[in-house]
Amino acid sequence: MAFIELDNVSKSFGSTHVLQGVSLKVEKGEIVCIVGFSGAGKSTLISLLSGLEKPDSGEVRFKGAKVTEPGPERGVVFQNYSLLPWLSAFDNVLFAVRSVLTKLSKEEQLAHTEKFVKMVGLSHARDRRPSELSGGMRQRVSLARALAADPDVLLMDEPLSALDALTRASLQDELERIGRLSGKTILLVTNDVDEAILLADRIVPLGAGPAATLGPETVVDIERPRDRRAINHDPRFRVIRNEVTQYLLSTRRKQPRARAASPGLAAAALEVPT
């Protein structure tokens, strides 16, 4: 029995067929990345897994039970930060802890919150409100909040897509470290193949829409911890990058009116050997 899975799931919005016959199994402790073009249905996939949306057909299951609504065992990190603007960084995290970990004493809740604020490197900014934080720092608060609630599965919907390149690279390194040390089951969607290779145990491509479906998975058999500078020179990195990108481009070519490739995939495609 998979830890969390999609079983032949399809989803439409009106006359737009977004996902068609999608099946995926994620085991406990795995980090799986779904890579696809913008608009392919990656956010819809996260919404289905979290219970925010219901499939038109097929089933979403968590530990074998059908998912029918959101639950604290499935934490979500969104593209936008979704922080409470009147609370400090620390109190945004504490709010989640108090809402979910109700059996802890007040002192334990404070210590637990402090642990995760420190984990994402925000101890120096713990008392600042979101308006006083940079985009990267806000996303760190969002990540700390999700982790501190101690979900069984962390669902991440392109959490770094709105950041500048330098901040995104820094947070990718943080995610690699946190994912490796926390042992959490993580499913992350992204349009950046390089990001997926840095972070994932497995990469599963989501073909171009409409009616997108998942393609063949690739195991990222590169030793951890992974250093972004060293990984670029690893022969296996180039093979994985080529496999994933070529598959995605092949699905895009089959779409007569496909959208332009997202920057992350377009940049990777330029370097794929022909």
Protein backbone atom coordinates (compact mmCIF):
# COMPACT_ATOMS: atom_id res chain seq x y z
CA MET A 1 0.00 0.00 0.00
CA ALA A 2 1.43 3.36 -1.07
CA PHE A 3 1.65 6.19 1.46
CA ILE A 4 -0.21 8.59 -0.83
CA GLU A 5 -1.47 7.90 -4.33
CA LEU A 6 -3.51 8.96 -7.30
CA ASP A 7 -5.44 6.12 -8.94
CA ASN A 8 -6.53 6.80 -12.54
CA VAL A 9 -7.56 10.36 -11.66
CA SER A 10 -9.11 12.75 -14.19
CA LYS A 11 -10.13 16.36 -13.61
CA SER A 12 -11.84 18.98 -15.76
CA PHE A 13 -12.96 22.55 -15.19
CA GLY A 14 -15.95 23.21 -17.40
CA SER A 15 -15.01 22.12 -20.92
CA THR A 16 -11.27 22.17 -20.18
CA HIS A 17 -9.82 18.71 -19.56
CA VAL A 18 -6.85 19.32 -17.28
CA LEU A 19 -5.73 15.86 -16.14
CA GLN A 20 -6.54 12.50 -17.72
CA GLY A 21 -5.97 9.07 -16.20
CA VAL A 22 -3.23 10.13 -13.78
CA SER A 23 -1.80 7.43 -11.52
CA LEU A 24 1.04 7.94 -9.05
CA LYS A 25 2.29 6.19 -5.91
CA VAL A 26 4.56 7.85 -3.37
CA GLU A 27 6.13 5.78 -0.61
CA LYS A 28 6.79 6.96 2.94
CA GLY A 29 9.97 9.04 3.20
CA GLU A 30 10.29 9.63 -0.55
CA ILE A 31 10.89 12.98 -2.20
CA VAL A 32 9.13 12.96 -5.57
CA CYS A 33 9.14 15.85 -8.05
CA ILE A 34 6.49 16.33 -10.74
CA VAL A 35 7.98 18.40 -13.58
CA GLY A 36 5.91 20.02 -16.29
CA PHE A 37 5.18 23.12 -18.33
CA SER A 38 3.25 26.02 -16.85
CA GLY A 39 -0.47 25.43 -17.31
CA ALA A 40 -0.15 21.64 -17.59
CA GLY A 41 -2.12 20.96 -14.40
CA LYS A 42 0.58 20.70 -11.71
CA SER A 43 -1.30 22.93 -9.25
CA THR A 44 -4.50 20.98 -9.90
CA LEU A 45 -2.61 17.80 -9.02
CA ILE A 46 -1.53 19.30 -5.68
CA SER A 47 -5.09 20.47 -4.99
CA LEU A 48 -6.37 16.94 -5.57
CA LEU A 49 -3.76 15.38 -3.27
CA SER A 50 -4.49 17.92 -0.55
CA GLY A 51 -8.26 17.45 -0.78
CA LEU A 52 -8.92 21.02 -1.89
CA GLU A 53 -10.34 19.64 -5.16
CA LYS A 54 -12.15 16.38 -5.86
CA PRO A 55 -11.47 14.27 -8.96
CA ASP A 56 -14.15 13.75 -11.60
CA SER A 57 -13.13 10.11 -11.75
CA GLY A 58 -10.58 7.90 -10.03
CA GLU A 59 -9.45 8.16 -6.42
CA VAL A 60 -6.92 9.95 -4.25
CA ARG A 61 -5.82 7.84 -1.28
CA PHE A 62 -3.72 8.49 1.81
CA LYS A 63 -2.56 5.41 3.72
CA GLY A 64 -5.18 3.46 1.79
CA ALA A 65 -8.12 5.70 2.78
CA LYS A 66 -9.95 7.83 0.24
CA VAL A 67 -9.16 11.56 0.47
CA THR A 68 -12.36 13.61 0.57
CA GLU A 69 -11.24 16.85 2.25
CA PRO A 70 -8.13 18.71 3.46
CA GLY A 71 -6.41 17.46 6.60
CA PRO A 72 -3.42 18.42 8.77
CA GLU A 73 -1.61 15.20 7.84
CA ARG A 74 -1.15 16.68 4.34
CA GLY A 75 0.62 20.04 4.63
CA VAL A 76 0.71 22.38 1.65
CA VAL A 77 3.24 25.06 0.69
CA PHE A 78 1.69 27.29 -1.97
CA GLN A 79 3.25 29.48 -4.67
CA ASN A 80 2.08 32.55 -2.77
CA TYR A 81 3.01 32.84 0.86
CA SER A 82 -0.48 32.89 2.41
CA LEU A 83 0.81 34.46 5.64
CA LEU A 84 -1.29 36.37 8.18
CA PRO A 85 -0.08 39.96 7.67
CA TRP A 86 -0.78 41.13 11.24
CA LEU A 87 1.37 38.40 12.82
CA SER A 88 5.15 38.22 13.07
CA ALA A 89 7.12 35.49 11.33
CA PHE A 90 7.34 33.58 14.61
CA ASP A 91 3.64 33.98 15.37
CA ASN A 92 2.64 32.83 11.87
CA VAL A 93 4.42 29.55 12.57
CA LEU A 94 3.11 29.39 16.15
CA PHE A 95 -0.46 29.85 14.89
CA ALA A 96 -0.17 26.61 12.88
CA VAL A 97 1.46 24.79 15.79
CA ARG A 98 -1.30 25.80 18.21
CA SER A 99 -3.99 24.85 15.69
CA VAL A 100 -2.64 21.35 15.03
CA LEU A 101 -0.42 20.24 17.93
CA THR A 102 -2.98 20.89 20.62
CA LYS A 103 -1.63 18.25 23.00
CA LEU A 104 1.62 20.15 23.54
CA SER A 105 1.88 22.53 26.48
CA LYS A 106 2.31 26.25 25.76
CA GLU A 107 6.00 25.99 26.59
CA GLU A 108 6.40 22.99 24.26
CA GLN A 109 4.56 24.82 21.48
CA LEU A 110 6.91 27.79 21.80
CA ALA A 111 10.01 25.57 21.77
CA HIS A 112 8.68 23.60 18.79
CA THR A 113 8.04 26.81 16.87
CA GLU A 114 11.48 28.14 17.69
CA LYS A 115 13.05 24.95 16.35
CA PHE A 116 11.53 25.37 12.90
CA VAL A 117 12.05 29.13 12.68
CA LYS A 118 15.71 28.40 13.38
CA MET A 119 15.73 25.52 10.87
CA VAL A 120 14.83 27.85 8.00
CA GLY A 121 17.34 30.48 9.13
CA LEU A 122 14.94 33.14 10.35
CA SER A 123 15.83 33.54 14.04
CA HIS A 124 17.12 37.05 13.33
CA ALA A 125 13.80 38.05 11.71
CA ARG A 126 11.40 36.20 14.00
CA ASP A 127 9.63 39.38 15.16
CA ARG A 128 9.15 40.96 11.73
CA ARG A 129 5.77 41.00 10.03
CA PRO A 130 5.42 39.70 6.43
CA SER A 131 5.48 43.23 5.00
CA GLU A 132 8.95 43.66 6.52
CA LEU A 133 10.32 40.47 4.94
CA SER A 134 11.68 39.79 1.47
CA GLY A 135 9.95 37.30 -0.80
CA GLY A 136 12.49 34.63 0.02
CA MET A 137 12.08 35.18 3.76
CA ARG A 138 8.29 34.99 3.47
CA GLN A 139 8.61 31.67 1.69
CA ARG A 140 10.90 30.46 4.49
CA VAL A 141 8.15 31.34 6.99
CA SER A 142 5.64 29.44 4.86
CA LEU A 143 7.95 26.41 4.77
CA ALA A 144 8.60 26.60 8.54
CA ARG A 145 4.86 26.80 9.20
CA ALA A 146 4.17 23.72 7.10
CA LEU A 147 6.99 21.70 8.66
CA ALA A 148 6.17 22.78 12.23
CA ALA A 149 2.63 21.43 11.90
CA ASP A 150 4.30 18.01 11.54
CA PRO A 151 2.34 16.69 8.53
CA ASP A 152 2.91 13.16 7.29
CA VAL A 153 3.21 14.46 3.72
CA LEU A 154 4.42 17.85 2.53
CA LEU A 155 2.85 18.97 -0.77
CA MET A 156 4.72 21.82 -2.43
CA ASP A 157 3.15 23.79 -5.29
CA GLU A 158 6.06 25.50 -7.09
CA PRO A 159 7.04 27.25 -3.85
CA LEU A 160 10.09 28.96 -5.37
CA SER A 161 8.70 30.05 -8.75
CA ALA A 162 8.10 33.69 -7.80
CA LEU A 163 11.65 34.28 -6.47
CA ASP A 164 14.64 35.80 -8.19
CA ALA A 165 17.34 33.40 -9.40
CA LEU A 166 19.78 33.92 -6.51
CA THR A 167 17.12 33.59 -3.80
CA ARG A 168 15.65 30.57 -5.56
CA ALA A 169 19.05 28.85 -5.66
CA SER A 170 19.60 29.56 -1.97
CA LEU A 171 16.21 28.11 -0.99
CA GLN A 172 16.72 25.09 -3.23
CA ASP A 173 19.82 24.31 -1.18
CA GLU A 174 17.78 24.77 2.01
CA LEU A 175 15.05 22.46 0.74
CA GLU A 176 17.61 19.81 -0.14
CA ARG A 177 19.06 20.01 3.35
CA ILE A 178 15.70 20.09 5.15
CA GLY A 179 14.23 17.30 3.05
CA ARG A 180 17.26 15.11 3.71
CA LEU A 181 17.35 15.78 7.47
CA SER A 182 13.61 15.78 8.22
CA GLY A 183 12.82 12.43 6.61
CA LYS A 184 9.44 13.82 5.51
CA THR A 185 7.51 12.45 2.58
CA ILE A 186 7.56 15.30 0.06
CA LEU A 187 5.83 15.77 -3.27
CA LEU A 188 6.94 18.90 -5.08
CA VAL A 189 5.79 20.24 -8.44
CA THR A 190 8.07 22.47 -10.47
CA ASN A 191 8.81 23.66 -14.00
CA ASP A 192 12.57 23.51 -13.36
CA VAL A 193 14.26 20.23 -14.30
CA ASP A 194 17.52 21.17 -12.56
CA GLU A 195 15.62 21.91 -9.33
CA ALA A 196 13.97 18.51 -9.51
CA ILE A 197 17.30 16.71 -9.98
CA LEU A 198 18.79 18.55 -7.00
CA LEU A 199 15.89 17.67 -4.70
CA ALA A 200 14.20 14.45 -5.78
CA ASP A 201 14.56 10.73 -5.29
CA ARG A 202 12.31 10.30 -8.32
CA ILE A 203 11.18 12.63 -11.11
CA VAL A 204 7.86 12.08 -12.88
CA PRO A 205 7.13 14.33 -15.88
CA LEU A 206 3.65 15.72 -16.49
CA GLY A 207 3.07 16.05 -20.23
CA ALA A 208 1.70 19.14 -21.93
CA GLY A 209 -2.04 19.70 -21.62
CA PRO A 210 -4.88 19.64 -22.22
CA ALA A 211 -5.76 16.25 -20.73
CA ALA A 212 -2.24 15.94 -19.35
CA THR A 213 -0.98 12.66 -17.97
CA LEU A 214 2.19 11.47 -16.26
CA GLY A 215 5.10 10.07 -18.23
CA PRO A 216 7.82 7.55 -17.36
CA GLU A 217 9.55 8.18 -14.05
CA THR A 218 13.30 8.64 -13.65
CA VAL A 219 15.17 7.62 -10.51
CA VAL A 220 17.67 10.27 -9.42
CA ASP A 221 20.45 7.94 -8.36
CA ILE A 222 22.91 10.67 -7.43
CA GLU A 223 24.41 10.48 -3.96
CA ARG A 224 23.24 12.87 -1.25
CA PRO A 225 24.00 15.45 -0.02
CA ARG A 226 23.95 17.11 -3.43
CA ASP A 227 25.96 20.22 -4.17
CA ARG A 228 24.59 22.33 -7.02
CA ARG A 229 28.06 23.19 -8.30
CA ALA A 230 29.35 19.62 -8.24
CA ILE A 231 26.16 18.06 -9.58
CA ASN A 232 26.45 19.95 -12.89
CA HIS A 233 29.57 17.93 -13.67
CA ASP A 234 28.04 14.57 -12.81
CA PRO A 235 27.45 12.47 -15.98
CA ARG A 236 24.25 11.08 -14.48
CA PHE A 237 22.90 14.62 -14.05
CA ARG A 238 23.17 15.22 -17.79
CA VAL A 239 21.51 11.91 -18.64
CA ILE A 240 18.56 12.54 -16.31
CA ARG A 241 18.17 16.10 -17.52
CA ASN A 242 18.12 14.94 -21.13
CA GLU A 243 15.60 12.14 -20.49
CA VAL A 244 13.10 14.34 -18.65
CA THR A 245 13.38 17.34 -20.95
CA GLN A 246 13.16 15.34 -24.16
CA TYR A 247 10.03 13.59 -22.95
CA LEU A 248 8.36 16.88 -22.03
CA LEU A 249 9.28 18.49 -25.33
CA SER A 250 7.93 15.48 -27.21
CA THR A 251 4.52 15.90 -25.53
CA ARG A 252 4.52 19.60 -26.34
CA ARG A 253 5.19 18.92 -30.02
CA LYS A 254 2.08 16.74 -30.13
CA GLN A 255 -0.09 19.68 -29.05
CA PRO A 256 -1.06 21.72 -32.16
CA ARG A 257 -1.64 24.90 -30.17
CA ALA A 258 0.62 24.31 -27.18
CA ARG A 259 1.69 27.19 -24.98
CA ALA A 260 5.25 28.42 -24.93
CA ALA A 261 7.61 26.51 -22.69
CA SER A 262 8.16 27.85 -19.21
CA PRO A 263 11.56 29.54 -18.63
CA GLY A 264 12.94 26.69 -16.53
CA LEU A 265 12.22 24.06 -19.15
CA ALA A 266 13.17 26.32 -22.04
CA ALA A 267 16.58 26.99 -20.51
CA ALA A 268 17.18 23.31 -19.95
CA ALA A 269 16.06 22.45 -23.47
CA LEU A 270 18.68 24.76 -24.97
CA GLU A 271 21.42 22.65 -23.43
CA VAL A 272 20.07 19.22 -24.33
CA PRO A 273 22.37 17.50 -26.84
CA THR A 274 20.73 16.50 -30.11
